[in-house]
Amino acid sequence: LLYWAQQMERTSVPPIHNVAICGGTHGNELTGVYIVREMQKQKMEKAGSVSVTTVETNPRAVAAGRRYTEMDLNRCFTDVLLSSPITESTPYEVRRAQELNAQLGPKGSAEAVDLLIDLHNTTSNMGLCLILLVIDSLYYTKIIENNLSSVPVRAIQLDIPSSKAYSLESVGKHGFAIEVGPQPNGVLRADIFNVVKEALDLTLQWLQKFSSGHSFEGGTVEAYTFVKSVDYPRDSAGKATAVIHQNLQDNDFKLLRSGDPIFQTFSGDILKYEGEDLYPFFVNECAYYEKKIAFHLAQRKTYSFPPISVKND
């Protein structure tokens, strides 16, 4: 809550009684799939007093080795799609979104899971990112950032109204996605797997301590706030005419200044960035080619948050 960022007095918040850990929302992003399967194999249903639910969210896409079968599942959790009538022509992913909403929500209700964590991979060189719909999940970023040194840890804040929030984590009372890369689609890398597993372990340890009465001190954390998306240059037929410039490739979160090269046309011309200084992310993400996105741009802001303690039920 933005209130938290404005008030530095100790704040009491409700305990987290249950958490859902989800993988396979995109069927070719394998880290989450195999972490969820391992947790199910180990019958991990509790972290201290916190109940843990694990879900393989898009089993058809996982079996097919594809991002989705008919429609991007991680765009199916708006209020409109969750309440749409099911007919013979309804895409599988919309049906599945409604099933997940019934299991883990309903979205916006008192019955919804307290915390929902959705595990993703990116082909972009982004390290480990927490994608936040609301700013109150910054605590999780700080806990992971303070204890995970093997990769950069960053927060991305999208600021989307709940009714229009389209991603799975919006179903929980609180939620965030963990996005880790670079990892090619359909590939499982040990280093990426280990980083996500460690981030999850840190989060669950934090939840156990917090729910048992431990207080946590306030502090500051940086977050990247989405500003806009940039498409590839295109010809009159809509075909891309350029590739990401080598100076931008793999340089997610490196400040982009006016005059910096961003594209190289297939004929060899260099196209430069024009605009305010911003930070690129999801640079040359494979899954965004179909969405006509070459990269996103963000502002970097520093947020303060107060000490917190658990509020007794």
Protein backbone atom coordinates (compact mmCIF):
# COMPACT_ATOMS: atom_id res chain seq x y z
CA LEU A 1 0.00 0.00 0.00
CA LEU A 2 1.29 3.46 -0.83
CA TYR A 3 0.35 4.49 2.71
CA TRP A 4 3.17 2.28 3.92
CA ALA A 5 5.67 4.19 1.85
CA GLN A 6 4.53 7.46 3.42
CA GLN A 7 4.34 6.48 7.11
CA MET A 8 7.44 5.26 8.94
CA GLU A 9 5.78 4.36 12.25
CA ARG A 10 5.55 0.66 13.01
CA THR A 11 2.67 -0.95 11.14
CA SER A 12 0.70 -4.05 12.06
CA VAL A 13 -0.50 -6.23 9.18
CA PRO A 14 -2.55 -9.44 9.08
CA PRO A 15 -0.64 -12.73 9.25
CA ILE A 16 -0.10 -14.86 6.18
CA HIS A 17 -1.91 -18.14 6.82
CA ASN A 18 -1.60 -19.67 3.36
CA VAL A 19 0.57 -19.29 0.29
CA ALA A 20 0.20 -20.70 -3.23
CA ILE A 21 3.33 -21.41 -5.29
CA CYS A 22 2.58 -21.80 -8.99
CA GLY A 23 4.63 -22.88 -11.98
CA GLY A 24 3.95 -23.62 -15.62
CA THR A 25 1.66 -20.66 -16.28
CA HIS A 26 3.73 -20.50 -19.45
CA GLY A 27 4.31 -24.09 -20.45
CA ASN A 28 7.83 -23.65 -21.86
CA GLU A 29 9.21 -21.82 -18.79
CA LEU A 30 10.51 -24.86 -17.00
CA THR A 31 12.02 -23.66 -13.72
CA GLY A 32 8.66 -23.18 -12.04
CA VAL A 33 7.33 -26.45 -13.46
CA TYR A 34 10.10 -28.51 -11.89
CA ILE A 35 10.19 -26.60 -8.61
CA VAL A 36 6.44 -27.19 -8.16
CA ARG A 37 6.79 -30.86 -9.10
CA GLU A 38 9.63 -31.32 -6.60
CA MET A 39 7.65 -29.62 -3.84
CA GLN A 40 4.71 -31.91 -4.61
CA LYS A 41 7.02 -34.93 -4.58
CA GLN A 42 8.35 -33.86 -1.18
CA LYS A 43 4.73 -33.33 -0.02
CA MET A 44 5.60 -29.82 1.14
CA GLU A 45 2.27 -28.61 2.50
CA LYS A 46 3.46 -26.54 5.46
CA ALA A 47 6.13 -23.94 6.22
CA GLY A 48 5.82 -23.63 9.99
CA SER A 49 2.25 -22.48 10.59
CA VAL A 50 1.82 -21.37 6.97
CA SER A 51 -0.10 -23.70 4.64
CA VAL A 52 1.53 -24.20 1.24
CA THR A 53 -0.39 -25.07 -1.94
CA THR A 54 1.53 -25.95 -5.11
CA VAL A 55 -0.08 -25.78 -8.54
CA GLU A 56 1.08 -26.63 -12.06
CA THR A 57 -1.06 -24.01 -13.67
CA ASN A 58 -1.14 -24.80 -17.40
CA PRO A 59 -0.61 -28.57 -17.74
CA ARG A 60 -1.69 -28.71 -21.39
CA ALA A 61 0.90 -26.11 -22.40
CA VAL A 62 3.57 -27.86 -20.31
CA ALA A 63 2.79 -31.18 -22.03
CA ALA A 64 2.97 -29.47 -25.43
CA GLY A 65 6.19 -27.61 -24.58
CA ARG A 66 4.57 -24.33 -25.60
CA ARG A 67 3.93 -21.00 -23.89
CA TYR A 68 0.19 -21.60 -24.24
CA THR A 69 -2.20 -23.70 -26.32
CA GLU A 70 -4.76 -21.12 -27.46
CA MET A 71 -4.32 -17.91 -25.45
CA ASP A 72 -1.73 -16.54 -23.02
CA LEU A 73 -2.94 -17.79 -19.63
CA ASN A 74 -1.15 -14.94 -17.87
CA ARG A 75 -3.45 -12.47 -19.63
CA CYS A 76 -6.67 -14.25 -18.60
CA PHE A 77 -7.23 -13.05 -15.02
CA THR A 78 -9.07 -9.78 -15.63
CA ASP A 79 -12.49 -9.48 -14.04
CA VAL A 80 -14.05 -9.55 -17.51
CA LEU A 81 -12.48 -12.87 -18.54
CA LEU A 82 -12.95 -14.49 -15.13
CA SER A 83 -16.66 -13.76 -15.28
CA SER A 84 -17.23 -14.56 -18.96
CA PRO A 85 -19.65 -17.39 -19.78
CA ILE A 86 -18.06 -20.68 -20.82
CA THR A 87 -19.13 -21.89 -24.27
CA GLU A 88 -17.84 -24.47 -26.73
CA SER A 89 -15.62 -21.82 -28.30
CA THR A 90 -14.06 -20.60 -25.05
CA PRO A 91 -10.25 -20.98 -25.23
CA TYR A 92 -8.73 -23.58 -22.92
CA GLU A 93 -6.70 -20.96 -21.05
CA VAL A 94 -9.80 -18.93 -20.19
CA ARG A 95 -11.43 -22.09 -18.82
CA ARG A 96 -8.26 -22.85 -16.87
CA ALA A 97 -8.10 -19.29 -15.50
CA GLN A 98 -11.60 -19.68 -14.13
CA GLU A 99 -10.66 -23.02 -12.55
CA LEU A 100 -7.59 -21.46 -10.92
CA ASN A 101 -9.67 -18.52 -9.73
CA ALA A 102 -12.10 -20.92 -8.07
CA GLN A 103 -9.23 -22.87 -6.50
CA LEU A 104 -7.04 -19.98 -5.31
CA GLY A 105 -9.47 -17.07 -5.14
CA PRO A 106 -11.98 -15.90 -5.95
CA LYS A 107 -10.05 -12.80 -6.91
CA GLY A 108 -10.83 -9.88 -4.60
CA SER A 109 -12.58 -12.05 -2.01
CA ALA A 110 -11.90 -12.79 1.65
CA GLU A 111 -11.50 -16.46 0.67
CA ALA A 112 -8.58 -15.81 -1.71
CA VAL A 113 -5.19 -17.23 -0.79
CA ASP A 114 -3.20 -14.78 1.35
CA LEU A 115 -0.12 -14.82 -0.91
CA LEU A 116 0.30 -16.12 -4.46
CA ILE A 117 3.76 -16.53 -5.99
CA ASP A 118 3.97 -17.35 -9.71
CA LEU A 119 7.30 -18.58 -11.09
CA HIS A 120 8.47 -17.48 -14.54
CA ASN A 121 11.51 -17.46 -16.79
CA THR A 122 12.61 -14.86 -19.29
CA THR A 123 15.03 -15.09 -22.20
CA SER A 124 16.20 -11.58 -21.28
CA ASN A 125 19.24 -10.91 -19.10
CA MET A 126 17.26 -9.70 -16.10
CA GLY A 127 18.66 -11.63 -13.15
CA LEU A 128 15.96 -12.22 -10.55
CA CYS A 129 13.01 -9.83 -10.60
CA LEU A 130 9.91 -9.62 -8.46
CA ILE A 131 7.03 -8.27 -10.53
CA LEU A 132 4.64 -6.44 -8.21
CA LEU A 133 1.10 -5.32 -8.91
CA VAL A 134 1.00 -3.28 -5.70
CA ILE A 135 3.82 -1.77 -3.72
CA ASP A 136 3.10 -3.62 -0.45
CA SER A 137 5.10 -6.63 -1.66
CA LEU A 138 8.35 -4.66 -1.50
CA TYR A 139 9.13 -6.42 1.78
CA TYR A 140 9.70 -9.64 -0.10
CA THR A 141 12.09 -7.90 -2.47
CA LYS A 142 14.12 -6.61 0.47
CA ILE A 143 14.30 -10.00 2.18
CA ILE A 144 15.52 -11.71 -0.99
CA GLU A 145 17.84 -8.83 -1.93
CA ASN A 146 19.51 -8.90 1.50
CA ASN A 147 20.18 -12.62 1.42
CA LEU A 148 20.75 -13.57 -2.21
CA SER A 149 24.09 -12.52 -3.69
CA SER A 150 24.47 -14.80 -6.71
CA VAL A 151 22.35 -12.64 -9.05
CA PRO A 152 21.02 -9.06 -9.10
CA VAL A 153 17.62 -8.79 -7.38
CA ARG A 154 15.20 -6.10 -8.57
CA ALA A 155 11.55 -5.12 -8.21
CA ILE A 156 9.32 -4.15 -11.14
CA GLN A 157 6.12 -2.30 -10.23
CA LEU A 158 3.27 -2.32 -12.76
CA ASP A 159 0.56 -0.28 -10.98
CA ILE A 160 -2.50 -1.89 -12.62
CA PRO A 161 -5.99 -1.60 -11.06
CA SER A 162 -7.15 -4.91 -9.57
CA SER A 163 -10.10 -5.30 -11.97
CA LYS A 164 -7.80 -4.96 -14.98
CA ALA A 165 -4.88 -6.94 -13.55
CA TYR A 166 -4.44 -9.80 -15.99
CA SER A 167 -1.82 -12.03 -14.38
CA LEU A 168 -2.25 -15.02 -12.07
CA GLU A 169 -0.73 -13.41 -8.96
CA SER A 170 -3.62 -10.90 -8.94
CA VAL A 171 -5.92 -13.70 -7.74
CA GLY A 172 -4.33 -13.73 -4.26
CA LYS A 173 -4.88 -11.10 -1.58
CA HIS A 174 -1.21 -10.35 -2.12
CA GLY A 175 1.01 -11.70 -4.83
CA PHE A 176 4.01 -11.33 -7.06
CA ALA A 177 5.73 -13.11 -9.91
CA ILE A 178 9.35 -14.20 -9.71
CA GLU A 179 10.91 -13.72 -13.14
CA VAL A 180 14.42 -15.11 -13.68
CA GLY A 181 16.70 -15.20 -16.69
CA PRO A 182 18.30 -15.53 -19.07
CA GLN A 183 16.99 -19.00 -19.80
CA PRO A 184 15.85 -20.22 -23.23
CA ASN A 185 12.30 -21.47 -23.60
CA GLY A 186 12.01 -25.23 -23.14
CA VAL A 187 15.36 -25.41 -21.33
CA LEU A 188 16.15 -26.04 -17.66
CA ARG A 189 19.37 -24.53 -16.23
CA ALA A 190 20.76 -25.55 -12.84
CA ASP A 191 21.95 -22.05 -11.92
CA ILE A 192 18.54 -20.52 -12.64
CA PHE A 193 16.74 -23.36 -10.85
CA ASN A 194 18.94 -22.92 -7.77
CA VAL A 195 18.42 -19.15 -7.65
CA VAL A 196 14.63 -19.48 -7.77
CA LYS A 197 14.67 -22.27 -5.17
CA GLU A 198 16.79 -20.12 -2.86
CA ALA A 199 14.50 -17.10 -3.33
CA LEU A 200 11.47 -19.27 -2.49
CA ASP A 201 13.19 -20.74 0.57
CA LEU A 202 14.04 -17.23 1.82
CA THR A 203 10.44 -16.12 1.31
CA LEU A 204 9.00 -19.11 3.17
CA GLN A 205 11.49 -18.64 6.02
CA TRP A 206 10.44 -14.99 6.26
CA LEU A 207 6.77 -15.96 6.34
CA GLN A 208 7.39 -18.50 9.11
CA LYS A 209 9.19 -15.95 11.28
CA PHE A 210 6.72 -13.19 10.58
CA SER A 211 3.66 -15.33 11.27
CA SER A 212 5.19 -16.54 14.55
CA GLY A 213 5.46 -12.96 15.82
CA HIS A 214 8.82 -11.66 14.61
CA SER A 215 8.97 -7.99 13.68
CA PHE A 216 10.89 -6.68 10.68
CA GLU A 217 12.61 -3.35 10.46
CA GLY A 218 11.76 -0.75 7.85
CA GLY A 219 14.07 0.44 5.15
CA THR A 220 14.29 1.42 1.52
CA VAL A 221 14.22 -0.52 -1.73
CA GLU A 222 14.52 0.49 -5.36
CA ALA A 223 11.77 -0.44 -7.80
CA TYR A 224 11.44 -0.01 -11.55
CA THR A 225 8.05 1.43 -12.49
CA PHE A 226 6.77 0.59 -15.97
CA VAL A 227 6.49 3.62 -18.30
CA LYS A 228 5.99 2.28 -21.83
CA SER A 229 6.79 -0.40 -24.37
CA VAL A 230 8.87 0.00 -27.54
CA ASP A 231 8.15 -1.99 -30.71
CA TYR A 232 10.59 -3.00 -33.41
CA PRO A 233 10.77 -0.74 -36.48
CA ARG A 234 8.40 -2.12 -39.11
CA ASP A 235 7.72 -1.74 -42.82
CA SER A 236 4.34 -0.98 -44.40
CA ALA A 237 3.45 -4.68 -44.25
CA GLY A 238 4.11 -4.80 -40.52
CA LYS A 239 7.30 -6.85 -40.79
CA ALA A 240 10.21 -6.02 -38.46
CA THR A 241 13.06 -4.24 -40.22
CA ALA A 242 15.65 -4.23 -37.43
CA VAL A 243 17.18 -6.21 -34.58
CA ILE A 244 18.12 -5.07 -31.06
CA HIS A 245 21.49 -3.29 -31.24
CA GLN A 246 24.40 -5.18 -29.69
CA ASN A 247 24.99 -2.35 -27.19
CA LEU A 248 21.47 -2.79 -25.80
CA GLN A 249 21.36 -6.60 -25.99
CA ASP A 250 21.81 -8.19 -22.52
CA ASN A 251 21.91 -4.76 -20.87
CA ASP A 252 18.56 -4.82 -19.10
CA PHE A 253 18.29 -2.16 -16.38
CA LYS A 254 21.27 -0.19 -17.74
CA LEU A 255 20.21 3.46 -18.08
CA LEU A 256 19.23 4.30 -21.65
CA ARG A 257 20.02 7.87 -22.70
CA SER A 258 18.97 9.86 -25.72
CA GLY A 259 21.37 9.09 -28.56
CA ASP A 260 22.18 5.55 -27.43
CA PRO A 261 21.83 2.93 -30.21
CA ILE A 262 18.82 0.63 -29.77
CA PHE A 263 18.25 -1.02 -33.18
CA GLN A 264 20.31 -2.09 -36.18
CA THR A 265 18.36 -2.39 -39.41
CA PHE A 266 18.94 -5.42 -41.59
CA SER A 267 20.59 -3.08 -44.12
CA GLY A 268 23.08 -1.95 -41.45
CA ASP A 269 21.70 1.42 -40.31
CA ILE A 270 21.87 2.28 -36.62
CA LEU A 271 18.72 3.69 -34.99
CA LYS A 272 19.16 5.69 -31.80
CA TYR A 273 16.95 6.26 -28.81
CA GLU A 274 15.18 9.58 -28.43
CA GLY A 275 13.46 10.53 -25.20
CA GLU A 276 13.92 10.85 -21.45
CA ASP A 277 16.49 8.72 -19.66
CA LEU A 278 14.82 5.43 -18.72
CA TYR A 279 15.74 1.86 -17.86
CA PRO A 280 15.09 -0.94 -20.40
CA PHE A 281 13.94 -4.39 -19.33
CA PHE A 282 12.62 -7.52 -21.04
CA VAL A 283 15.08 -6.62 -23.80
CA ASN A 284 14.56 -8.92 -26.82
CA GLU A 285 12.28 -11.25 -24.84
CA CYS A 286 11.38 -14.16 -27.11
CA ALA A 287 7.72 -14.32 -26.03
CA TYR A 288 7.18 -10.63 -26.80
CA TYR A 289 7.85 -10.91 -30.53
CA GLU A 290 4.21 -11.84 -31.07
CA LYS A 291 3.16 -8.94 -28.83
CA LYS A 292 5.23 -6.52 -30.94
CA ILE A 293 7.41 -5.47 -28.01
CA ALA A 294 11.18 -5.09 -28.37
CA PHE A 295 11.61 -3.94 -24.77
CA HIS A 296 9.90 -2.10 -21.94
CA LEU A 297 11.09 1.14 -20.35
CA ALA A 298 10.87 2.08 -16.69
CA GLN A 299 11.69 4.78 -14.19
CA ARG A 300 13.73 3.83 -11.13
CA LYS A 301 12.35 5.02 -7.81
CA THR A 302 13.33 4.52 -4.20
CA TYR A 303 10.54 3.57 -1.79
CA SER A 304 10.64 3.71 2.00
CA PHE A 305 8.65 1.32 4.14
CA PRO A 306 8.06 1.19 7.89
CA PRO A 307 8.83 -1.56 10.41
CA ILE A 308 6.07 -4.18 10.43
CA SER A 309 4.74 -6.70 12.90
CA VAL A 310 1.97 -9.24 12.67
CA LYS A 311 -1.53 -8.20 13.73
CA ASN A 312 -3.21 -10.71 16.00
CA ASP A 313 -6.37 -12.25 14.56
